[in-house]
C-alpha atoms as a PDB file:
ATOM      1  CA  UNK A   1       0.000   0.000   0.000  1.00  0.00           C
ATOM      2  CA  UNK A   2       2.798   2.440   0.939  1.00  0.00           C
ATOM      3  CA  UNK A   3       4.634   1.659  -2.303  1.00  0.00           C
ATOM      4  CA  UNK A   4       1.466   2.336  -4.310  1.00  0.00           C
ATOM      5  CA  UNK A   5       0.890   5.636  -2.513  1.00  0.00           C
ATOM      6  CA  UNK A   6       4.524   6.629  -3.078  1.00  0.00           C
ATOM      7  CA  UNK A   7       4.233   5.895  -6.795  1.00  0.00           C
ATOM      8  CA  UNK A   8       1.009   7.892  -6.988  1.00  0.00           C
ATOM      9  CA  UNK A   9       2.671  10.830  -5.245  1.00  0.00           C
ATOM     10  CA  UNK A  10       5.620  10.707  -7.643  1.00  0.00           C
ATOM     11  CA  UNK A  11       3.244  10.550 -10.622  1.00  0.00           C
ATOM     12  CA  UNK A  12       1.166  13.441  -9.296  1.00  0.00           C
ATOM     13  CA  UNK A  13       4.175  15.678  -8.638  1.00  0.00           C
ATOM     14  CA  UNK A  14       5.637  14.859 -12.052  1.00  0.00           C
ATOM     15  CA  UNK A  15       2.419  15.650 -13.927  1.00  0.00           C
ATOM     16  CA  UNK A  16       1.832  18.830 -11.934  1.00  0.00           C
ATOM     17  CA  UNK A  17       5.404  19.995 -12.510  1.00  0.00           C
ATOM     18  CA  UNK A  18       5.050  19.443 -16.266  1.00  0.00           C
ATOM     19  CA  UNK A  19       1.664  21.195 -16.307  1.00  0.00           C
ATOM     20  CA  UNK A  20       3.015  24.155 -14.351  1.00  0.00           C
ATOM     21  CA  UNK A  21       6.029  24.423 -16.671  1.00  0.00           C
ATOM     22  CA  UNK A  22       3.713  24.423 -19.695  1.00  0.00           C
ATOM     23  CA  UNK A  23       1.558  27.110 -18.082  1.00  0.00           C
ATOM     24  CA  UNK A  24       4.553  29.466 -18.109  1.00  0.00           C
ATOM     25  CA  UNK A  25       4.646  29.392 -21.902  1.00  0.00           C
ATOM     26  CA  UNK A  26       3.035  32.281 -23.842  1.00  0.00           C
ATOM     27  CA  UNK A  27      -0.688  31.836 -24.498  1.00  0.00           C
ATOM     28  CA  UNK A  28      -0.055  32.076 -28.235  1.00  0.00           C
ATOM     29  CA  UNK A  29       2.259  29.077 -28.081  1.00  0.00           C
ATOM     30  CA  UNK A  30      -0.283  27.070 -26.075  1.00  0.00           C
ATOM     31  CA  UNK A  31      -2.981  27.906 -28.629  1.00  0.00           C
ATOM     32  CA  UNK A  32      -0.616  26.777 -31.376  1.00  0.00           C
ATOM     33  CA  UNK A  33      -0.209  23.461 -29.553  1.00  0.00           C
ATOM     34  CA  UNK A  34      -3.985  23.175 -29.291  1.00  0.00           C
ATOM     35  CA  UNK A  35      -4.279  23.769 -33.054  1.00  0.00           C
ATOM     36  CA  UNK A  36      -2.039  20.757 -33.636  1.00  0.00           C
ATOM     37  CA  UNK A  37      -4.137  18.755 -31.182  1.00  0.00           C
ATOM     38  CA  UNK A  38      -7.238  19.805 -33.146  1.00  0.00           C
ATOM     39  CA  UNK A  39      -5.878  17.986 -36.198  1.00  0.00           C
ATOM     40  CA  UNK A  40      -5.542  14.798 -34.161  1.00  0.00           C
ATOM     41  CA  UNK A  41      -8.892  15.169 -32.392  1.00  0.00           C
ATOM     42  CA  UNK A  42     -10.901  16.102 -35.482  1.00  0.00           C
ATOM     43  CA  UNK A  43      -9.127  14.437 -38.406  1.00  0.00           C
ATOM     44  CA  UNK A  44      -6.727  11.668 -37.411  1.00  0.00           C
ATOM     45  CA  UNK A  45      -7.910   9.537 -35.753  1.00  0.00           C
ATOM     46  CA  UNK A  46     -10.728  11.689 -34.381  1.00  0.00           C
ATOM     47  CA  UNK A  47     -11.777  11.682 -30.730  1.00  0.00           C
ATOM     48  CA  UNK A  48     -15.316  10.285 -30.353  1.00  0.00           C
ATOM     49  CA  UNK A  49     -16.211  11.965 -33.621  1.00  0.00           C
ATOM     50  CA  UNK A  50     -19.028   9.535 -34.406  1.00  0.00           C
ATOM     51  CA  UNK A  51     -20.592  10.292 -30.998  1.00  0.00           C
ATOM     52  CA  UNK A  52     -20.321  14.048 -31.545  1.00  0.00           C
ATOM     53  CA  UNK A  53     -21.826  13.918 -35.053  1.00  0.00           C
ATOM     54  CA  UNK A  54     -24.712  11.760 -33.872  1.00  0.00           C
ATOM     55  CA  UNK A  55     -25.419  13.935 -30.831  1.00  0.00           C
ATOM     56  CA  UNK A  56     -25.409  17.166 -32.848  1.00  0.00           C
ATOM     57  CA  UNK A  57     -27.543  15.740 -35.688  1.00  0.00           C
ATOM     58  CA  UNK A  58     -30.195  14.432 -33.290  1.00  0.00           C
ATOM     59  CA  UNK A  59     -30.204  17.647 -31.255  1.00  0.00           C
ATOM     60  CA  UNK A  60     -30.689  19.938 -34.256  1.00  0.00           C
ATOM     61  CA  UNK A  61     -32.799  17.988 -36.790  1.00  0.00           C
ATOM     62  CA  UNK A  62     -33.995  21.273 -38.279  1.00  0.00           C
ATOM     63  CA  UNK A  63     -30.485  22.280 -39.332  1.00  0.00           C
ATOM     64  CA  UNK A  64     -28.920  21.348 -42.625  1.00  0.00           C
ATOM     65  CA  UNK A  65     -25.969  18.965 -42.883  1.00  0.00           C
ATOM     66  CA  UNK A  66     -23.554  21.829 -43.523  1.00  0.00           C
ATOM     67  CA  UNK A  67     -24.745  23.711 -40.433  1.00  0.00           C
ATOM     68  CA  UNK A  68     -24.340  20.700 -38.172  1.00  0.00           C
ATOM     69  CA  UNK A  69     -20.943  19.961 -39.713  1.00  0.00           C
ATOM     70  CA  UNK A  70     -19.838  23.524 -38.880  1.00  0.00           C
ATOM     71  CA  UNK A  71     -20.994  23.057 -35.261  1.00  0.00           C
ATOM     72  CA  UNK A  72     -19.000  19.817 -34.954  1.00  0.00           C
ATOM     73  CA  UNK A  73     -15.847  21.353 -36.381  1.00  0.00           C
ATOM     74  CA  UNK A  74     -16.045  24.485 -34.228  1.00  0.00           C
ATOM     75  CA  UNK A  75     -16.741  22.335 -31.167  1.00  0.00           C
ATOM     76  CA  UNK A  76     -13.425  20.514 -31.602  1.00  0.00           C
ATOM     77  CA  UNK A  77     -11.567  23.780 -32.183  1.00  0.00           C
ATOM     78  CA  UNK A  78     -12.991  25.219 -28.940  1.00  0.00           C
ATOM     79  CA  UNK A  79     -12.585  21.952 -27.050  1.00  0.00           C
ATOM     80  CA  UNK A  80      -8.806  21.798 -27.536  1.00  0.00           C
ATOM     81  CA  UNK A  81      -8.484  25.544 -26.834  1.00  0.00           C
ATOM     82  CA  UNK A  82     -10.153  25.033 -23.459  1.00  0.00           C
ATOM     83  CA  UNK A  83      -7.334  22.702 -22.418  1.00  0.00           C
ATOM     84  CA  UNK A  84      -4.756  25.326 -23.381  1.00  0.00           C
ATOM     85  CA  UNK A  85      -6.614  27.884 -21.243  1.00  0.00           C
ATOM     86  CA  UNK A  86      -6.875  25.486 -18.308  1.00  0.00           C
ATOM     87  CA  UNK A  87      -3.133  24.855 -18.448  1.00  0.00           C
ATOM     88  CA  UNK A  88      -2.433  28.593 -18.554  1.00  0.00           C
ATOM     89  CA  UNK A  89      -4.696  29.181 -15.534  1.00  0.00           C
ATOM     90  CA  UNK A  90      -2.334  27.077 -13.390  1.00  0.00           C
ATOM     91  CA  UNK A  91       0.078  30.001 -13.100  1.00  0.00           C
ATOM     92  CA  UNK A  92      -1.742  32.955 -14.698  1.00  0.00           C
ATOM     93  CA  UNK A  93      -1.833  36.039 -12.428  1.00  0.00           C
ATOM     94  CA  UNK A  94      -5.145  36.975 -10.836  1.00  0.00           C
ATOM     95  CA  UNK A  95      -5.093  40.294 -12.699  1.00  0.00           C
ATOM     96  CA  UNK A  96      -4.961  38.522 -16.066  1.00  0.00           C
ATOM     97  CA  UNK A  97      -7.812  36.123 -15.347  1.00  0.00           C
ATOM     98  CA  UNK A  98      -9.885  38.936 -13.855  1.00  0.00           C
ATOM     99  CA  UNK A  99      -9.916  40.619 -17.257  1.00  0.00           C
ATOM    100  CA  UNK A 100     -10.824  37.435 -19.098  1.00  0.00           C
ATOM    101  CA  UNK A 101     -13.702  36.218 -16.918  1.00  0.00           C
ATOM    102  CA  UNK A 102     -16.664  38.514 -16.308  1.00  0.00           C
ATOM    103  CA  UNK A 103     -19.336  37.663 -13.738  1.00  0.00           C
ATOM    104  CA  UNK A 104     -22.774  39.249 -13.991  1.00  0.00           C
ATOM    105  CA  UNK A 105     -25.635  39.494 -11.473  1.00  0.00           C
ATOM    106  CA  UNK A 106     -23.548  38.197  -8.573  1.00  0.00           C
ATOM    107  CA  UNK A 107     -25.813  40.325  -6.380  1.00  0.00           C
ATOM    108  CA  UNK A 108     -28.358  37.513  -6.658  1.00  0.00           C
ATOM    109  CA  UNK A 109     -26.034  35.221  -4.696  1.00  0.00           C
ATOM    110  CA  UNK A 110     -25.317  37.915  -2.107  1.00  0.00           C
ATOM    111  CA  UNK A 111     -29.048  38.464  -1.617  1.00  0.00           C
ATOM    112  CA  UNK A 112     -29.772  34.827  -0.730  1.00  0.00           C
ATOM    113  CA  UNK A 113     -26.658  34.334   1.388  1.00  0.00           C
ATOM    114  CA  UNK A 114     -27.434  37.490   3.387  1.00  0.00           C
ATOM    115  CA  UNK A 115     -30.840  35.990   4.157  1.00  0.00           C
ATOM    116  CA  UNK A 116     -29.101  32.915   5.552  1.00  0.00           C
ATOM    117  CA  UNK A 117     -29.989  30.616   2.640  1.00  0.00           C
ATOM    118  CA  UNK A 118     -27.639  28.257   0.890  1.00  0.00           C
ATOM    119  CA  UNK A 119     -27.418  28.695  -2.870  1.00  0.00           C
ATOM    120  CA  UNK A 120     -27.429  25.716  -5.225  1.00  0.00           C
ATOM    121  CA  UNK A 121     -25.710  26.948  -8.388  1.00  0.00           C
ATOM    122  CA  UNK A 122     -26.290  24.489 -11.213  1.00  0.00           C
ATOM    123  CA  UNK A 123     -24.677  24.641 -14.633  1.00  0.00           C
ATOM    124  CA  UNK A 124     -23.919  22.571 -17.692  1.00  0.00           C
ATOM    125  CA  UNK A 125     -20.753  21.593 -19.525  1.00  0.00           C
ATOM    126  CA  UNK A 126     -20.945  24.795 -21.543  1.00  0.00           C
ATOM    127  CA  UNK A 127     -17.980  26.800 -22.858  1.00  0.00           C
ATOM    128  CA  UNK A 128     -14.921  26.455 -20.600  1.00  0.00           C
ATOM    129  CA  UNK A 129     -16.745  25.634 -17.364  1.00  0.00           C
ATOM    130  CA  UNK A 130     -13.404  25.023 -15.625  1.00  0.00           C
ATOM    131  CA  UNK A 131     -12.968  28.809 -15.526  1.00  0.00           C
ATOM    132  CA  UNK A 132     -15.455  28.766 -12.649  1.00  0.00           C
ATOM    133  CA  UNK A 133     -12.489  27.889 -10.475  1.00  0.00           C
ATOM    134  CA  UNK A 134     -11.825  31.633 -10.473  1.00  0.00           C
ATOM    135  CA  UNK A 135     -15.267  32.376  -9.010  1.00  0.00           C
ATOM    136  CA  UNK A 136     -14.212  32.407  -5.303  1.00  0.00           C
ATOM    137  CA  UNK A 137     -11.981  35.352  -6.118  1.00  0.00           C
ATOM    138  CA  UNK A 138     -15.101  37.345  -7.056  1.00  0.00           C
ATOM    139  CA  UNK A 139     -17.182  36.626  -3.971  1.00  0.00           C
ATOM    140  CA  UNK A 140     -16.843  36.709  -0.202  1.00  0.00           C
ATOM    141  CA  UNK A 141     -18.839  33.535   0.484  1.00  0.00           C
ATOM    142  CA  UNK A 142     -17.645  29.940   0.710  1.00  0.00           C
ATOM    143  CA  UNK A 143     -17.937  28.106  -2.594  1.00  0.00           C
ATOM    144  CA  UNK A 144     -18.108  24.315  -2.762  1.00  0.00           C
ATOM    145  CA  UNK A 145     -17.933  22.277  -5.968  1.00  0.00           C
ATOM    146  CA  UNK A 146     -19.690  18.929  -5.749  1.00  0.00           C
ATOM    147  CA  UNK A 147     -17.727  16.305  -7.677  1.00  0.00           C
ATOM    148  CA  UNK A 148     -17.429  12.606  -8.361  1.00  0.00           C
ATOM    149  CA  UNK A 149     -13.883  11.303  -7.716  1.00  0.00           C
ATOM    150  CA  UNK A 150     -11.952  10.197 -10.782  1.00  0.00           C
ATOM    151  CA  UNK A 151     -10.927   6.556 -11.041  1.00  0.00           C
ATOM    152  CA  UNK A 152      -7.281   7.571 -11.167  1.00  0.00           C
ATOM    153  CA  UNK A 153      -6.127   8.731  -7.740  1.00  0.00           C
ATOM    154  CA  UNK A 154      -3.297  10.677  -9.370  1.00  0.00           C
ATOM    155  CA  UNK A 155      -5.554  12.593 -11.780  1.00  0.00           C
ATOM    156  CA  UNK A 156      -8.133  13.120  -9.033  1.00  0.00           C
ATOM    157  CA  UNK A 157      -5.490  14.746  -6.837  1.00  0.00           C
ATOM    158  CA  UNK A 158      -4.365  16.919  -9.756  1.00  0.00           C
ATOM    159  CA  UNK A 159      -7.964  17.994 -10.474  1.00  0.00           C
ATOM    160  CA  UNK A 160      -8.474  19.048  -6.849  1.00  0.00           C
ATOM    161  CA  UNK A 161      -5.202  20.985  -6.910  1.00  0.00           C
ATOM    162  CA  UNK A 162      -6.098  22.901 -10.074  1.00  0.00           C
ATOM    163  CA  UNK A 163      -9.694  23.667  -9.114  1.00  0.00           C
ATOM    164  CA  UNK A 164      -8.863  24.853  -5.623  1.00  0.00           C
ATOM    165  CA  UNK A 165      -6.195  27.391  -6.617  1.00  0.00           C
ATOM    166  CA  UNK A 166      -8.453  30.395  -5.982  1.00  0.00           C
ATOM    167  CA  UNK A 167     -10.215  29.066  -2.907  1.00  0.00           C
ATOM    168  CA  UNK A 168     -12.839  26.711  -4.280  1.00  0.00           C
ATOM    169  CA  UNK A 169     -13.565  23.856  -1.874  1.00  0.00           C
ATOM    170  CA  UNK A 170     -14.407  20.429  -3.265  1.00  0.00           C
ATOM    171  CA  UNK A 171     -16.994  18.070  -1.806  1.00  0.00           C
ATOM    172  CA  UNK A 172     -17.521  14.499  -2.901  1.00  0.00           C
ATOM    173  CA  UNK A 173     -21.111  13.598  -3.822  1.00  0.00           C
ATOM    174  CA  UNK A 174     -21.525  11.363  -0.809  1.00  0.00           C
ATOM    175  CA  UNK A 175     -20.423  14.146   1.557  1.00  0.00           C
ATOM    176  CA  UNK A 176     -22.574  17.036   0.345  1.00  0.00           C
ATOM    177  CA  UNK A 177     -25.854  16.106   2.095  1.00  0.00           C
ATOM    178  CA  UNK A 178     -24.242  15.749   5.499  1.00  0.00           C
ATOM    179  CA  UNK A 179     -22.250  18.942   4.998  1.00  0.00           C
ATOM    180  CA  UNK A 180     -25.076  21.222   3.854  1.00  0.00           C
ATOM    181  CA  UNK A 181     -27.432  19.971   6.592  1.00  0.00           C
ATOM    182  CA  UNK A 182     -24.832  20.254   9.339  1.00  0.00           C
ATOM    183  CA  UNK A 183     -25.666  22.693  12.119  1.00  0.00           C
ATOM    184  CA  UNK A 184     -22.081  23.935  11.963  1.00  0.00           C
ATOM    185  CA  UNK A 185     -22.308  24.913   8.288  1.00  0.00           C
ATOM    186  CA  UNK A 186     -22.973  28.547   7.455  1.00  0.00           C
ATOM    187  CA  UNK A 187     -24.763  29.645   4.287  1.00  0.00           C
ATOM    188  CA  UNK A 188     -22.624  28.933   1.226  1.00  0.00           C
ATOM    189  CA  UNK A 189     -22.729  28.312  -2.522  1.00  0.00           C
ATOM    190  CA  UNK A 190     -22.717  24.767  -3.909  1.00  0.00           C
ATOM    191  CA  UNK A 191     -21.865  24.118  -7.563  1.00  0.00           C
ATOM    192  CA  UNK A 192     -23.540  21.244  -9.414  1.00  0.00           C
ATOM    193  CA  UNK A 193     -22.722  20.122 -12.960  1.00  0.00           C
ATOM    194  CA  UNK A 194     -26.184  18.698 -13.432  1.00  0.00           C
ATOM    195  CA  UNK A 195     -26.267  17.668 -17.096  1.00  0.00           C
ATOM    196  CA  UNK A 196     -24.539  14.312 -16.739  1.00  0.00           C
ATOM    197  CA  UNK A 197     -26.218  10.977 -17.401  1.00  0.00           C
ATOM    198  CA  UNK A 198     -27.532   9.303 -14.202  1.00  0.00           C
ATOM    199  CA  UNK A 199     -27.044   5.623 -13.583  1.00  0.00           C
ATOM    200  CA  UNK A 200     -30.622   5.166 -12.369  1.00  0.00           C
ATOM    201  CA  UNK A 201     -33.403   6.324 -14.657  1.00  0.00           C
ATOM    202  CA  UNK A 202     -36.373   7.855 -12.830  1.00  0.00           C
ATOM    203  CA  UNK A 203     -39.467   8.602 -14.889  1.00  0.00           C
ATOM    204  CA  UNK A 204     -40.226  11.674 -12.773  1.00  0.00           C
ATOM    205  CA  UNK A 205     -36.889  13.126 -13.817  1.00  0.00           C
ATOM    206  CA  UNK A 206     -37.205  12.523 -17.541  1.00  0.00           C
ATOM    207  CA  UNK A 207     -37.383  15.718 -19.564  1.00  0.00           C
ATOM    208  CA  UNK A 208     -36.980  16.760 -23.178  1.00  0.00           C
ATOM    209  CA  UNK A 209     -33.544  18.206 -23.878  1.00  0.00           C
ATOM    210  CA  UNK A 210     -32.685  19.191 -27.440  1.00  0.00           C
ATOM    211  CA  UNK A 211     -35.603  17.205 -28.924  1.00  0.00           C
ATOM    212  CA  UNK A 212     -34.678  14.033 -27.027  1.00  0.00           C
ATOM    213  CA  UNK A 213     -36.105  12.306 -23.972  1.00  0.00           C
ATOM    214  CA  UNK A 214     -33.406  12.771 -21.330  1.00  0.00           C
ATOM    215  CA  UNK A 215     -32.966  11.585 -17.759  1.00  0.00           C
ATOM    216  CA  UNK A 216     -31.488  13.914 -15.124  1.00  0.00           C
ATOM    217  CA  UNK A 217     -30.158  13.442 -11.611  1.00  0.00           C
ATOM    218  CA  UNK A 218     -32.793  13.984  -8.937  1.00  0.00           C
ATOM    219  CA  UNK A 219     -30.207  14.648  -6.222  1.00  0.00           C
ATOM    220  CA  UNK A 220     -29.645  18.328  -6.976  1.00  0.00           C
ATOM    221  CA  UNK A 221     -33.326  19.209  -6.696  1.00  0.00           C
ATOM    222  CA  UNK A 222     -33.992  17.004  -3.674  1.00  0.00           C
ATOM    223  CA  UNK A 223     -31.028  18.468  -1.825  1.00  0.00           C
ATOM    224  CA  UNK A 224     -32.211  22.004  -2.619  1.00  0.00           C
ATOM    225  CA  UNK A 225     -35.687  21.319  -1.215  1.00  0.00           C
ATOM    226  CA  UNK A 226     -34.403  19.456   1.854  1.00  0.00           C
ATOM    227  CA  UNK A 227     -31.922  22.211   2.725  1.00  0.00           C
ATOM    228  CA  UNK A 228     -34.390  25.036   1.947  1.00  0.00           C
ATOM    229  CA  UNK A 229     -31.933  26.510  -0.514  1.00  0.00           C
ATOM    230  CA  UNK A 230     -32.249  29.024  -3.301  1.00  0.00           C
ATOM    231  CA  UNK A 231     -31.368  27.736  -6.778  1.00  0.00           C
ATOM    232  CA  UNK A 232     -29.688  29.626  -9.601  1.00  0.00           C
ATOM    233  CA  UNK A 233     -28.324  28.747 -13.028  1.00  0.00           C
ATOM    234  CA  UNK A 234     -24.855  29.819 -14.185  1.00  0.00           C
ATOM    235  CA  UNK A 235     -25.107  30.774 -17.857  1.00  0.00           C
ATOM    236  CA  UNK A 236     -21.631  30.513 -19.435  1.00  0.00           C
ATOM    237  CA  UNK A 237     -20.792  31.972 -22.835  1.00  0.00           C
ATOM    238  CA  UNK A 238     -17.586  32.637 -24.741  1.00  0.00           C
ATOM    239  CA  UNK A 239     -17.372  36.350 -25.530  1.00  0.00           C
ATOM    240  CA  UNK A 240     -14.235  35.813 -27.621  1.00  0.00           C
ATOM    241  CA  UNK A 241     -11.382  33.323 -27.637  1.00  0.00           C
ATOM    242  CA  UNK A 242     -10.173  32.979 -24.059  1.00  0.00           C
ATOM    243  CA  UNK A 243     -12.760  35.438 -22.682  1.00  0.00           C
ATOM    244  CA  UNK A 244     -15.921  34.332 -20.888  1.00  0.00           C
ATOM    245  CA  UNK A 245     -19.058  35.756 -19.345  1.00  0.00           C
ATOM    246  CA  UNK A 246     -20.830  33.963 -16.493  1.00  0.00           C
ATOM    247  CA  UNK A 247     -24.309  35.217 -15.628  1.00  0.00           C
ATOM    248  CA  UNK A 248     -26.333  34.230 -12.542  1.00  0.00           C
ATOM    249  CA  UNK A 249     -29.934  33.499 -13.556  1.00  0.00           C
ATOM    250  CA  UNK A 250     -32.657  32.804 -10.955  1.00  0.00           C
ATOM    251  CA  UNK A 251     -34.485  29.480 -10.800  1.00  0.00           C
ATOM    252  CA  UNK A 252     -36.195  29.806  -7.427  1.00  0.00           C
ATOM    253  CA  UNK A 253     -35.674  31.587  -4.106  1.00  0.00           C
ATOM    254  CA  UNK A 254     -37.286  28.893  -1.936  1.00  0.00           C
ATOM    255  CA  UNK A 255     -36.784  25.387  -3.254  1.00  0.00           C
ATOM    256  CA  UNK A 256     -39.065  23.853  -0.629  1.00  0.00           C
ATOM    257  CA  UNK A 257     -42.039  25.678  -2.128  1.00  0.00           C
ATOM    258  CA  UNK A 258     -41.528  24.142  -5.596  1.00  0.00           C
ATOM    259  CA  UNK A 259     -43.301  21.047  -6.890  1.00  0.00           C
ATOM    260  CA  UNK A 260     -41.277  17.920  -7.574  1.00  0.00           C
ATOM    261  CA  UNK A 261     -39.547  18.166 -10.927  1.00  0.00           C
ATOM    262  CA  UNK A 262     -40.228  21.886 -11.300  1.00  0.00           C
ATOM    263  CA  UNK A 263     -36.693  22.991 -10.396  1.00  0.00           C
ATOM    264  CA  UNK A 264     -35.144  20.466 -12.760  1.00  0.00           C
ATOM    265  CA  UNK A 265     -37.498  21.539 -15.564  1.00  0.00           C
ATOM    266  CA  UNK A 266     -36.412  25.155 -15.160  1.00  0.00           C
ATOM    267  CA  UNK A 267     -32.800  24.022 -15.146  1.00  0.00           C
ATOM    268  CA  UNK A 268     -33.361  22.097 -18.390  1.00  0.00           C
ATOM    269  CA  UNK A 269     -34.981  25.143 -20.003  1.00  0.00           C
ATOM    270  CA  UNK A 270     -32.046  27.378 -19.054  1.00  0.00           C
ATOM    271  CA  UNK A 271     -29.510  24.752 -20.113  1.00  0.00           C
ATOM    272  CA  UNK A 272     -31.260  24.412 -23.474  1.00  0.00           C
ATOM    273  CA  UNK A 273     -31.132  28.179 -23.959  1.00  0.00           C
ATOM    274  CA  UNK A 274     -27.423  28.179 -23.070  1.00  0.00           C
ATOM    275  CA  UNK A 275     -26.657  25.414 -25.583  1.00  0.00           C
ATOM    276  CA  UNK A 276     -28.696  26.948 -28.388  1.00  0.00           C
ATOM    277  CA  UNK A 277     -26.953  30.275 -27.872  1.00  0.00           C
ATOM    278  CA  UNK A 278     -23.567  28.597 -28.424  1.00  0.00           C
ATOM    279  CA  UNK A 279     -24.181  25.096 -29.807  1.00  0.00           C
ATOM    280  CA  UNK A 280     -20.461  24.509 -30.364  1.00  0.00           C
ATOM    281  CA  UNK A 281     -19.687  25.139 -26.687  1.00  0.00           C
ATOM    282  CA  UNK A 282     -21.416  22.147 -25.065  1.00  0.00           C
ATOM    283  CA  UNK A 283     -19.564  18.896 -24.313  1.00  0.00           C
ATOM    284  CA  UNK A 284     -20.803  16.834 -27.264  1.00  0.00           C
ATOM    285  CA  UNK A 285     -18.282  14.026 -26.674  1.00  0.00           C
ATOM    286  CA  UNK A 286     -20.310  12.968 -23.639  1.00  0.00           C
ATOM    287  CA  UNK A 287     -22.551   9.955 -24.342  1.00  0.00           C
ATOM    288  CA  UNK A 288     -25.509  11.802 -22.847  1.00  0.00           C
ATOM    289  CA  UNK A 289     -28.226   9.631 -24.358  1.00  0.00           C
ATOM    290  CA  UNK A 290     -26.579   6.218 -24.025  1.00  0.00           C
ATOM    291  CA  UNK A 291     -29.469   5.010 -21.857  1.00  0.00           C
END
């Protein structure tokens, strides 16, 4: 066991050192590297290209072949650029990132927190969602990101390191209920990436997303109602290459007063709007409709 842990530590430190060294390179050079990666991801051999084409075609049946093809191609171009930006964020000064990431309507969060309510902030895999790691630098409240541990202990440790640089705290899925309901916990913000495919399909949480019957996790909504939280949606768009705008949109101020499924339906509506605004920005490589 000790040998395994030692090897994992060595692997983690090696990968982090390489990532940090890469982050010191000029952004233009990192984008150039991503352009080369685009050729591999899109042309040879192509990363999950069949999945992406199928997902886009089924989501936008009203679009012509050429339009969907353009979405697929631009998705890959943005996808590889996101990795370059994530690498750069490892060492980028706060002042630089502050100019590249704009937050709007943050007063909505302040309003609920000042009333003593937790805020469930749900979002989708839109644009470069990893830039939300900078969010704690723009607010004075505790921010927790709910996550599912990666299978690789080394990569999981690296993910936690990168996401927590600016003060974001990470909570495993199995810990969040106990934490948010604890008497010792003060009002805080909890981030949920809620557009992933659940393992258990519940008919009450089946909604239409992009013209397709889609199952969603029930946990986010149930936790919001149980903890009497407010719920908001984080609308993420790419203003220009490397520059993002994150807008807080209200879903409900008192989750306990909402009917079952109502919060999730509003989330789906806002997610759909976000995707349609920038169809190339969503994570199309995800096998969202595999079940």
